[in-house]
Amino acid sequence: VDDVVADAIERGRAFLDAGAACVFVPGKLDLTTV
């Protein structure tokens, strides 16, 4: 899970830097992950 979260964060930040308004992370996420 730690690797998956790290990937999502890296990609999310890159997408925001490229002009996205928001980052969609689909999946059944628990409270700590969110």
Full PDB file with SEQRES, HELIX, SHEET, SSBOND, CRYST1, ORIGX, SCALE, CONECT and MASTER records, all heavy atoms in Angstrom:
SEQRES   1 A   34  VAL ASP ASP VAL VAL ALA ASP ALA ILE GLU ARG GLY ARG          
SEQRES   2 A   34  ALA PHE LEU ASP ALA GLY ALA ALA CYS VAL PHE VAL PRO          
SEQRES   3 A   34  GLY LYS LEU ASP LEU THR THR VAL                              
HELIX    1 AA1 ASP A    2  ASP A   17  1                                  16    
CRYST1    1.000    1.000    1.000  90.00  90.00  90.00 P 1           1          
ORIGX1      1.000000  0.000000  0.000000        0.00000                         
ORIGX2      0.000000  1.000000  0.000000        0.00000                         
ORIGX3      0.000000  0.000000  1.000000        0.00000                         
SCALE1      1.000000  0.000000  0.000000        0.00000                         
SCALE2      0.000000  1.000000  0.000000        0.00000                         
SCALE3      0.000000  0.000000  1.000000        0.00000                         
ATOM      1  N   VAL A   1       0.828  -1.208   0.000  1.00  0.00           N  
ATOM      2  CA  VAL A   1       0.000   0.000   0.000  1.00  0.00           C  
ATOM      3  C   VAL A   1       0.862   1.258   0.000  1.00  0.00           C  
ATOM      4  O   VAL A   1       0.539   2.239  -0.678  1.00  0.00           O  
ATOM      5  CB  VAL A   1      -0.953  -0.009   1.215  1.00  0.00           C  
ATOM      6  CG1 VAL A   1      -1.679   1.329   1.329  1.00  0.00           C  
ATOM      7  CG2 VAL A   1      -1.955  -1.141   1.105  1.00  0.00           C  
ATOM      8  N   ASP A   2       1.957   1.242   0.745  1.00  0.00           N  
ATOM      9  CA  ASP A   2       2.814   2.432   0.799  1.00  0.00           C  
ATOM     10  C   ASP A   2       3.324   2.812  -0.585  1.00  0.00           C  
ATOM     11  O   ASP A   2       3.396   4.001  -0.930  1.00  0.00           O  
ATOM     12  CB  ASP A   2       4.007   2.190   1.728  1.00  0.00           C  
ATOM     13  CG  ASP A   2       3.617   2.200   3.201  1.00  0.00           C  
ATOM     14  OD1 ASP A   2       2.461   2.574   3.504  1.00  0.00           O  
ATOM     15  OD2 ASP A   2       4.459   1.823   4.040  1.00  0.00           O  
ATOM     16  N   ASP A   3       3.672   1.817  -1.386  1.00  0.00           N  
ATOM     17  CA  ASP A   3       4.162   2.091  -2.743  1.00  0.00           C  
ATOM     18  C   ASP A   3       3.045   2.649  -3.623  1.00  0.00           C  
ATOM     19  O   ASP A   3       3.286   3.551  -4.441  1.00  0.00           O  
ATOM     20  CB  ASP A   3       4.713   0.809  -3.377  1.00  0.00           C  
ATOM     21  CG  ASP A   3       5.982   0.316  -2.707  1.00  0.00           C  
ATOM     22  OD1 ASP A   3       6.564   1.077  -1.900  1.00  0.00           O  
ATOM     23  OD2 ASP A   3       6.386  -0.829  -2.976  1.00  0.00           O  
ATOM     24  N   VAL A   4       1.852   2.113  -3.456  1.00  0.00           N  
ATOM     25  CA  VAL A   4       0.712   2.579  -4.257  1.00  0.00           C  
ATOM     26  C   VAL A   4       0.370   4.015  -3.902  1.00  0.00           C  
ATOM     27  O   VAL A   4       0.132   4.854  -4.782  1.00  0.00           O  
ATOM     28  CB  VAL A   4      -0.505   1.655  -4.054  1.00  0.00           C  
ATOM     29  CG1 VAL A   4      -1.690   2.164  -4.858  1.00  0.00           C  
ATOM     30  CG2 VAL A   4      -0.166   0.229  -4.459  1.00  0.00           C  
ATOM     31  N   VAL A   5       0.344   4.315  -2.606  1.00  0.00           N  
ATOM     32  CA  VAL A   5       0.063   5.685  -2.169  1.00  0.00           C  
ATOM     33  C   VAL A   5       1.127   6.635  -2.722  1.00  0.00           C  
ATOM     34  O   VAL A   5       0.812   7.731  -3.208  1.00  0.00           O  
ATOM     35  CB  VAL A   5       0.007   5.767  -0.634  1.00  0.00           C  
ATOM     36  CG1 VAL A   5      -0.041   7.223  -0.169  1.00  0.00           C  
ATOM     37  CG2 VAL A   5      -1.205   5.021  -0.101  1.00  0.00           C  
ATOM     38  N   ALA A   6       2.379   6.226  -2.659  1.00  0.00           N  
ATOM     39  CA  ALA A   6       3.467   7.077  -3.168  1.00  0.00           C  
ATOM     40  C   ALA A   6       3.295   7.336  -4.661  1.00  0.00           C  
ATOM     41  O   ALA A   6       3.492   8.469  -5.127  1.00  0.00           O  
ATOM     42  CB  ALA A   6       4.819   6.422  -2.888  1.00  0.00           C  
ATOM     43  N   ASP A   7       2.919   6.322  -5.422  1.00  0.00           N  
ATOM     44  CA  ASP A   7       2.674   6.497  -6.858  1.00  0.00           C  
ATOM     45  C   ASP A   7       1.541   7.486  -7.095  1.00  0.00           C  
ATOM     46  O   ASP A   7       1.630   8.368  -7.959  1.00  0.00           O  
ATOM     47  CB  ASP A   7       2.315   5.150  -7.502  1.00  0.00           C  
ATOM     48  CG  ASP A   7       3.530   4.332  -7.889  1.00  0.00           C  
ATOM     49  OD1 ASP A   7       4.653   4.875  -7.803  1.00  0.00           O  
ATOM     50  OD2 ASP A   7       3.355   3.162  -8.261  1.00  0.00           O  
ATOM     51  N   ALA A   8       0.437   7.315  -6.356  1.00  0.00           N  
ATOM     52  CA  ALA A   8      -0.725   8.190  -6.532  1.00  0.00           C  
ATOM     53  C   ALA A   8      -0.363   9.639  -6.228  1.00  0.00           C  
ATOM     54  O   ALA A   8      -0.783  10.561  -6.946  1.00  0.00           O  
ATOM     55  CB  ALA A   8      -1.873   7.723  -5.646  1.00  0.00           C  
ATOM     56  N   ILE A   9       0.418   9.841  -5.191  1.00  0.00           N  
ATOM     57  CA  ILE A   9       0.811  11.209  -4.821  1.00  0.00           C  
ATOM     58  C   ILE A   9       1.745  11.805  -5.872  1.00  0.00           C  
ATOM     59  O   ILE A   9       1.584  12.959  -6.294  1.00  0.00           O  
ATOM     60  CB  ILE A   9       1.470  11.219  -3.432  1.00  0.00           C  
ATOM     61  CG1 ILE A   9       0.414  10.914  -2.351  1.00  0.00           C  
ATOM     62  CG2 ILE A   9       2.135  12.569  -3.154  1.00  0.00           C  
ATOM     63  CD1 ILE A   9       0.991  10.722  -0.964  1.00  0.00           C  
ATOM     64  N   GLU A  10       2.731  11.025  -6.312  1.00  0.00           N  
ATOM     65  CA  GLU A  10       3.658  11.520  -7.339  1.00  0.00           C  
ATOM     66  C   GLU A  10       2.906  11.909  -8.609  1.00  0.00           C  
ATOM     67  O   GLU A  10       3.130  12.988  -9.181  1.00  0.00           O  
ATOM     68  CB  GLU A  10       4.705  10.463  -7.667  1.00  0.00           C  
ATOM     69  CG  GLU A  10       5.683  10.902  -8.753  1.00  0.00           C  
ATOM     70  CD  GLU A  10       6.621   9.796  -9.199  1.00  0.00           C  
ATOM     71  OE1 GLU A  10       6.306   8.613  -8.976  1.00  0.00           O  
ATOM     72  OE2 GLU A  10       7.667  10.125  -9.809  1.00  0.00           O  
ATOM     73  N   ARG A  11       2.025  11.032  -9.050  1.00  0.00           N  
ATOM     74  CA  ARG A  11       1.274  11.307 -10.267  1.00  0.00           C  
ATOM     75  C   ARG A  11       0.300  12.462 -10.052  1.00  0.00           C  
ATOM     76  O   ARG A  11       0.159  13.332 -10.926  1.00  0.00           O  
ATOM     77  CB  ARG A  11       0.541  10.038 -10.712  1.00  0.00           C  
ATOM     78  CG  ARG A  11       1.468   9.020 -11.323  1.00  0.00           C  
ATOM     79  CD  ARG A  11       0.825   7.679 -11.616  1.00  0.00           C  
ATOM     80  NE  ARG A  11       1.759   6.867 -12.382  1.00  0.00           N  
ATOM     81  CZ  ARG A  11       1.764   6.768 -13.706  1.00  0.00           C  
ATOM     82  NH1 ARG A  11       0.848   7.384 -14.427  1.00  0.00           N  
ATOM     83  NH2 ARG A  11       2.663   6.033 -14.326  1.00  0.00           N  
ATOM     84  N   GLY A  12      -0.354  12.484  -8.919  1.00  0.00           N  
ATOM     85  CA  GLY A  12      -1.290  13.562  -8.650  1.00  0.00           C  
ATOM     86  C   GLY A  12      -0.629  14.929  -8.671  1.00  0.00           C  
ATOM     87  O   GLY A  12      -1.137  15.882  -9.277  1.00  0.00           O  
ATOM     88  N   ARG A  13       0.501  15.039  -8.029  1.00  0.00           N  
ATOM     89  CA  ARG A  13       1.224  16.317  -8.027  1.00  0.00           C  
ATOM     90  C   ARG A  13       1.646  16.715  -9.437  1.00  0.00           C  
ATOM     91  O   ARG A  13       1.553  17.887  -9.827  1.00  0.00           O  
ATOM     92  CB  ARG A  13       2.460  16.208  -7.125  1.00  0.00           C  
ATOM     93  CG  ARG A  13       2.148  16.182  -5.639  1.00  0.00           C  
ATOM     94  CD  ARG A  13       3.419  15.945  -4.845  1.00  0.00           C  
ATOM     95  NE  ARG A  13       3.226  16.104  -3.413  1.00  0.00           N  
ATOM     96  CZ  ARG A  13       4.135  15.776  -2.499  1.00  0.00           C  
ATOM     97  NH1 ARG A  13       5.305  15.263  -2.879  1.00  0.00           N  
ATOM     98  NH2 ARG A  13       3.884  15.948  -1.213  1.00  0.00           N  
ATOM     99  N   ALA A  14       2.097  15.734 -10.203  1.00  0.00           N  
ATOM    100  CA  ALA A  14       2.515  16.024 -11.582  1.00  0.00           C  
ATOM    101  C   ALA A  14       1.332  16.496 -12.414  1.00  0.00           C  
ATOM    102  O   ALA A  14       1.464  17.414 -13.244  1.00  0.00           O  
ATOM    103  CB  ALA A  14       3.147  14.783 -12.202  1.00  0.00           C  
ATOM    104  N   PHE A  15       0.169  15.896 -12.198  1.00  0.00           N  
ATOM    105  CA  PHE A  15      -1.015  16.290 -12.960  1.00  0.00           C  
ATOM    106  C   PHE A  15      -1.469  17.704 -12.577  1.00  0.00           C  
ATOM    107  O   PHE A  15      -1.876  18.484 -13.442  1.00  0.00           O  
ATOM    108  CB  PHE A  15      -2.158  15.295 -12.723  1.00  0.00           C  
ATOM    109  CG  PHE A  15      -1.866  13.901 -13.216  1.00  0.00           C  
ATOM    110  CD1 PHE A  15      -2.593  12.815 -12.725  1.00  0.00           C  
ATOM    111  CD2 PHE A  15      -0.871  13.645 -14.143  1.00  0.00           C  
ATOM    112  CE1 PHE A  15      -2.334  11.524 -13.165  1.00  0.00           C  
ATOM    113  CE2 PHE A  15      -0.596  12.359 -14.598  1.00  0.00           C  
ATOM    114  CZ  PHE A  15      -1.333  11.293 -14.100  1.00  0.00           C  
ATOM    115  N   LEU A  16      -1.391  18.021 -11.296  1.00  0.00           N  
ATOM    116  CA  LEU A  16      -1.739  19.378 -10.870  1.00  0.00           C  
ATOM    117  C   LEU A  16      -0.759  20.386 -11.465  1.00  0.00           C  
ATOM    118  O   LEU A  16      -1.170  21.457 -11.936  1.00  0.00           O  
ATOM    119  CB  LEU A  16      -1.736  19.476  -9.348  1.00  0.00           C  
ATOM    120  CG  LEU A  16      -2.827  18.698  -8.602  1.00  0.00           C  
ATOM    121  CD1 LEU A  16      -2.641  18.842  -7.098  1.00  0.00           C  
ATOM    122  CD2 LEU A  16      -4.225  19.169  -9.006  1.00  0.00           C  
ATOM    123  N   ASP A  17       0.514  20.054 -11.461  1.00  0.00           N  
ATOM    124  CA  ASP A  17       1.515  20.951 -12.043  1.00  0.00           C  
ATOM    125  C   ASP A  17       1.272  21.158 -13.535  1.00  0.00           C  
ATOM    126  O   ASP A  17       1.611  22.215 -14.089  1.00  0.00           O  
ATOM    127  CB  ASP A  17       2.922  20.383 -11.835  1.00  0.00           C  
ATOM    128  CG  ASP A  17       3.389  20.478 -10.392  1.00  0.00           C  
ATOM    129  OD1 ASP A  17       2.770  21.228  -9.606  1.00  0.00           O  
ATOM    130  OD2 ASP A  17       4.365  19.781 -10.042  1.00  0.00           O  
ATOM    131  N   ALA A  18       0.677  20.156 -14.191  1.00  0.00           N  
ATOM    132  CA  ALA A  18       0.405  20.247 -15.628  1.00  0.00           C  
ATOM    133  C   ALA A  18      -0.901  20.969 -15.933  1.00  0.00           C  
ATOM    134  O   ALA A  18      -1.231  21.160 -17.109  1.00  0.00           O  
ATOM    135  CB  ALA A  18       0.377  18.840 -16.232  1.00  0.00           C  
ATOM    136  N   GLY A  19      -1.641  21.369 -14.893  1.00  0.00           N  
ATOM    137  CA  GLY A  19      -2.843  22.158 -15.110  1.00  0.00           C  
ATOM    138  C   GLY A  19      -4.153  21.529 -14.706  1.00  0.00           C  
ATOM    139  O   GLY A  19      -5.213  22.153 -14.873  1.00  0.00           O  
ATOM    140  N   ALA A  20      -4.127  20.300 -14.195  1.00  0.00           N  
ATOM    141  CA  ALA A  20      -5.372  19.681 -13.722  1.00  0.00           C  
ATOM    142  C   ALA A  20      -5.888  20.433 -12.498  1.00  0.00           C  
ATOM    143  O   ALA A  20      -5.108  20.996 -11.717  1.00  0.00           O  
ATOM    144  CB  ALA A  20      -5.147  18.217 -13.378  1.00  0.00           C  
ATOM    145  N   ALA A  21      -7.209  20.429 -12.333  1.00  0.00           N  
ATOM    146  CA  ALA A  21      -7.817  21.094 -11.179  1.00  0.00           C  
ATOM    147  C   ALA A  21      -7.896  20.165  -9.984  1.00  0.00           C  
ATOM    148  O   ALA A  21      -7.921  20.613  -8.837  1.00  0.00           O  
ATOM    149  CB  ALA A  21      -9.215  21.585 -11.546  1.00  0.00           C  
ATOM    150  N   CYS A  22      -7.945  18.875 -10.243  1.00  0.00           N  
ATOM    151  CA  CYS A  22      -8.217  17.899  -9.199  1.00  0.00           C  
ATOM    152  C   CYS A  22      -7.609  16.570  -9.628  1.00  0.00           C  
ATOM    153  O   CYS A  22      -7.342  16.353 -10.816  1.00  0.00           O  
ATOM    154  CB  CYS A  22      -9.735  17.774  -9.027  1.00  0.00           C  
ATOM    155  SG  CYS A  22     -10.292  17.064  -7.474  1.00  0.00           S  
ATOM    156  N   VAL A  23      -7.395  15.676  -8.663  1.00  0.00           N  
ATOM    157  CA  VAL A  23      -6.819  14.364  -8.950  1.00  0.00           C  
ATOM    158  C   VAL A  23      -7.781  13.288  -8.465  1.00  0.00           C  
ATOM    159  O   VAL A  23      -8.106  13.218  -7.276  1.00  0.00           O  
ATOM    160  CB  VAL A  23      -5.447  14.196  -8.268  1.00  0.00           C  
ATOM    161  CG1 VAL A  23      -4.888  12.804  -8.533  1.00  0.00           C  
ATOM    162  CG2 VAL A  23      -4.477  15.265  -8.740  1.00  0.00           C  
ATOM    163  N   PHE A  24      -8.229  12.457  -9.382  1.00  0.00           N  
ATOM    164  CA  PHE A  24      -9.187  11.404  -9.093  1.00  0.00           C  
ATOM    165  C   PHE A  24      -8.425  10.115  -8.789  1.00  0.00           C  
ATOM    166  O   PHE A  24      -7.659   9.628  -9.622  1.00  0.00           O  
ATOM    167  CB  PHE A  24     -10.107  11.220 -10.305  1.00  0.00           C  
ATOM    168  CG  PHE A  24     -11.196  10.196 -10.145  1.00  0.00           C  
ATOM    169  CD1 PHE A  24     -11.738   9.891  -8.913  1.00  0.00           C  
ATOM    170  CD2 PHE A  24     -11.700   9.550 -11.265  1.00  0.00           C  
ATOM    171  CE1 PHE A  24     -12.747   8.956  -8.782  1.00  0.00           C  
ATOM    172  CE2 PHE A  24     -12.720   8.617 -11.161  1.00  0.00           C  
ATOM    173  CZ  PHE A  24     -13.238   8.312  -9.904  1.00  0.00           C  
ATOM    174  N   VAL A  25      -8.653   9.577  -7.588  1.00  0.00           N  
ATOM    175  CA  VAL A  25      -7.983   8.349  -7.166  1.00  0.00           C  
ATOM    176  C   VAL A  25      -9.051   7.303  -6.852  1.00  0.00           C  
ATOM    177  O   VAL A  25      -9.456   7.135  -5.704  1.00  0.00           O  
ATOM    178  CB  VAL A  25      -7.087   8.583  -5.933  1.00  0.00           C  
ATOM    179  CG1 VAL A  25      -6.224   7.345  -5.668  1.00  0.00           C  
ATOM    180  CG2 VAL A  25      -6.204   9.815  -6.122  1.00  0.00           C  
ATOM    181  N   PRO A  26      -9.560   6.596  -7.871  1.00  0.00           N  
ATOM    182  CA  PRO A  26     -10.604   5.600  -7.614  1.00  0.00           C  
ATOM    183  C   PRO A  26     -10.058   4.385  -6.868  1.00  0.00           C  
ATOM    184  O   PRO A  26      -8.889   4.028  -7.003  1.00  0.00           O  
ATOM    185  CB  PRO A  26     -11.098   5.231  -9.006  1.00  0.00           C  
ATOM    186  CG  PRO A  26      -9.948   5.525  -9.904  1.00  0.00           C  
ATOM    187  CD  PRO A  26      -9.244   6.696  -9.304  1.00  0.00           C  
ATOM    188  N   GLY A  27     -10.938   3.772  -6.094  1.00  0.00           N  
ATOM    189  CA  GLY A  27     -10.587   2.602  -5.305  1.00  0.00           C  
ATOM    190  C   GLY A  27     -11.370   2.642  -4.003  1.00  0.00           C  
ATOM    191  O   GLY A  27     -11.911   3.683  -3.631  1.00  0.00           O  
ATOM    192  N   LYS A  28     -11.449   1.521  -3.333  1.00  0.00           N  
ATOM    193  CA  LYS A  28     -12.095   1.480  -2.018  1.00  0.00           C  
ATOM    194  C   LYS A  28     -11.054   1.858  -0.981  1.00  0.00           C  
ATOM    195  O   LYS A  28     -10.240   1.040  -0.555  1.00  0.00           O  
ATOM    196  CB  LYS A  28     -12.673   0.093  -1.743  1.00  0.00           C  
ATOM    197  CG  LYS A  28     -13.540   0.033  -0.498  1.00  0.00           C  
ATOM    198  CD  LYS A  28     -14.191  -1.322  -0.340  1.00  0.00           C  
ATOM    199  CE  LYS A  28     -15.048  -1.396   0.911  1.00  0.00           C  
ATOM    200  NZ  LYS A  28     -15.687  -2.727   1.070  1.00  0.00           N  
ATOM    201  N   LEU A  29     -11.057   3.128  -0.593  1.00  0.00           N  
ATOM    202  CA  LEU A  29      -9.989   3.701   0.219  1.00  0.00           C  
ATOM    203  C   LEU A  29     -10.416   3.808   1.676  1.00  0.00           C  
ATOM    204  O   LEU A  29     -11.523   4.283   1.970  1.00  0.00           O  
ATOM    205  CB  LEU A  29      -9.623   5.090  -0.312  1.00  0.00           C  
ATOM    206  CG  LEU A  29      -9.338   5.186  -1.826  1.00  0.00           C  
ATOM    207  CD1 LEU A  29      -9.087   6.634  -2.220  1.00  0.00           C  
ATOM    208  CD2 LEU A  29      -8.156   4.297  -2.208  1.00  0.00           C  
ATOM    209  N   ASP A  30      -9.519   3.428   2.580  1.00  0.00           N  
ATOM    210  CA  ASP A  30      -9.834   3.581   4.001  1.00  0.00           C  
ATOM    211  C   ASP A  30      -9.443   4.976   4.475  1.00  0.00           C  
ATOM    212  O   ASP A  30      -8.838   5.768   3.733  1.00  0.00           O  
ATOM    213  CB  ASP A  30      -9.164   2.487   4.842  1.00  0.00           C  
ATOM    214  CG  ASP A  30      -7.641   2.491   4.759  1.00  0.00           C  
ATOM    215  OD1 ASP A  30      -7.050   3.548   4.434  1.00  0.00           O  
ATOM    216  OD2 ASP A  30      -7.037   1.429   5.012  1.00  0.00           O  
ATOM    217  N   LEU A  31      -9.780   5.268   5.728  1.00  0.00           N  
ATOM    218  CA  LEU A  31      -9.586   6.619   6.251  1.00  0.00           C  
ATOM    219  C   LEU A  31      -8.115   7.029   6.229  1.00  0.00           C  
ATOM    220  O   LEU A  31      -7.781   8.145   5.821  1.00  0.00           O  
ATOM    221  CB  LEU A  31     -10.156   6.709   7.668  1.00  0.00           C  
ATOM    222  CG  LEU A  31     -10.233   8.119   8.279  1.00  0.00           C  
ATOM    223  CD1 LEU A  31     -11.467   8.241   9.159  1.00  0.00           C  
ATOM    224  CD2 LEU A  31      -8.991   8.440   9.100  1.00  0.00           C  
ATOM    225  N   THR A  32      -7.233   6.139   6.661  1.00  0.00           N  
ATOM    226  CA  THR A  32      -5.808   6.477   6.692  1.00  0.00           C  
ATOM    227  C   THR A  32      -5.272   6.776   5.297  1.00  0.00           C  
ATOM    228  O   THR A  32      -4.493   7.719   5.101  1.00  0.00           O  
ATOM    229  CB  THR A  32      -5.005   5.324   7.319  1.00  0.00           C  
ATOM    230  OG1 THR A  32      -5.455   5.114   8.658  1.00  0.00           O  
ATOM    231  CG2 THR A  32      -3.521   5.639   7.331  1.00  0.00           C  
ATOM    232  N   THR A  33      -5.708   6.008   4.314  1.00  0.00           N  
ATOM    233  CA  THR A  33      -5.246   6.226   2.937  1.00  0.00           C  
ATOM    234  C   THR A  33      -5.728   7.561   2.412  1.00  0.00           C  
ATOM    235  O   THR A  33      -4.960   8.304   1.779  1.00  0.00           O  
ATOM    236  CB  THR A  33      -5.736   5.090   2.031  1.00  0.00           C  
ATOM    237  OG1 THR A  33      -5.196   3.843   2.500  1.00  0.00           O  
ATOM    238  CG2 THR A  33      -5.297   5.309   0.594  1.00  0.00           C  
ATOM    239  N   VAL A  34      -6.972   7.890   2.677  1.00  0.00           N  
ATOM    240  CA  VAL A  34      -7.498   9.184   2.225  1.00  0.00           C  
ATOM    241  C   VAL A  34      -6.739  10.321   2.896  1.00  0.00           C  
ATOM    242  O   VAL A  34      -6.367  11.316   2.252  1.00  0.00           O  
ATOM    243  CB  VAL A  34      -9.006   9.290   2.489  1.00  0.00           C  
ATOM    244  CG1 VAL A  34      -9.511  10.700   2.161  1.00  0.00           C  
ATOM    245  CG2 VAL A  34      -9.771   8.255   1.661  1.00  0.00           C  
TER     246      VAL A  34                                                      
MASTER        0    0    0    1    0    0    0    6  245    1    0    3          
END                                                                             
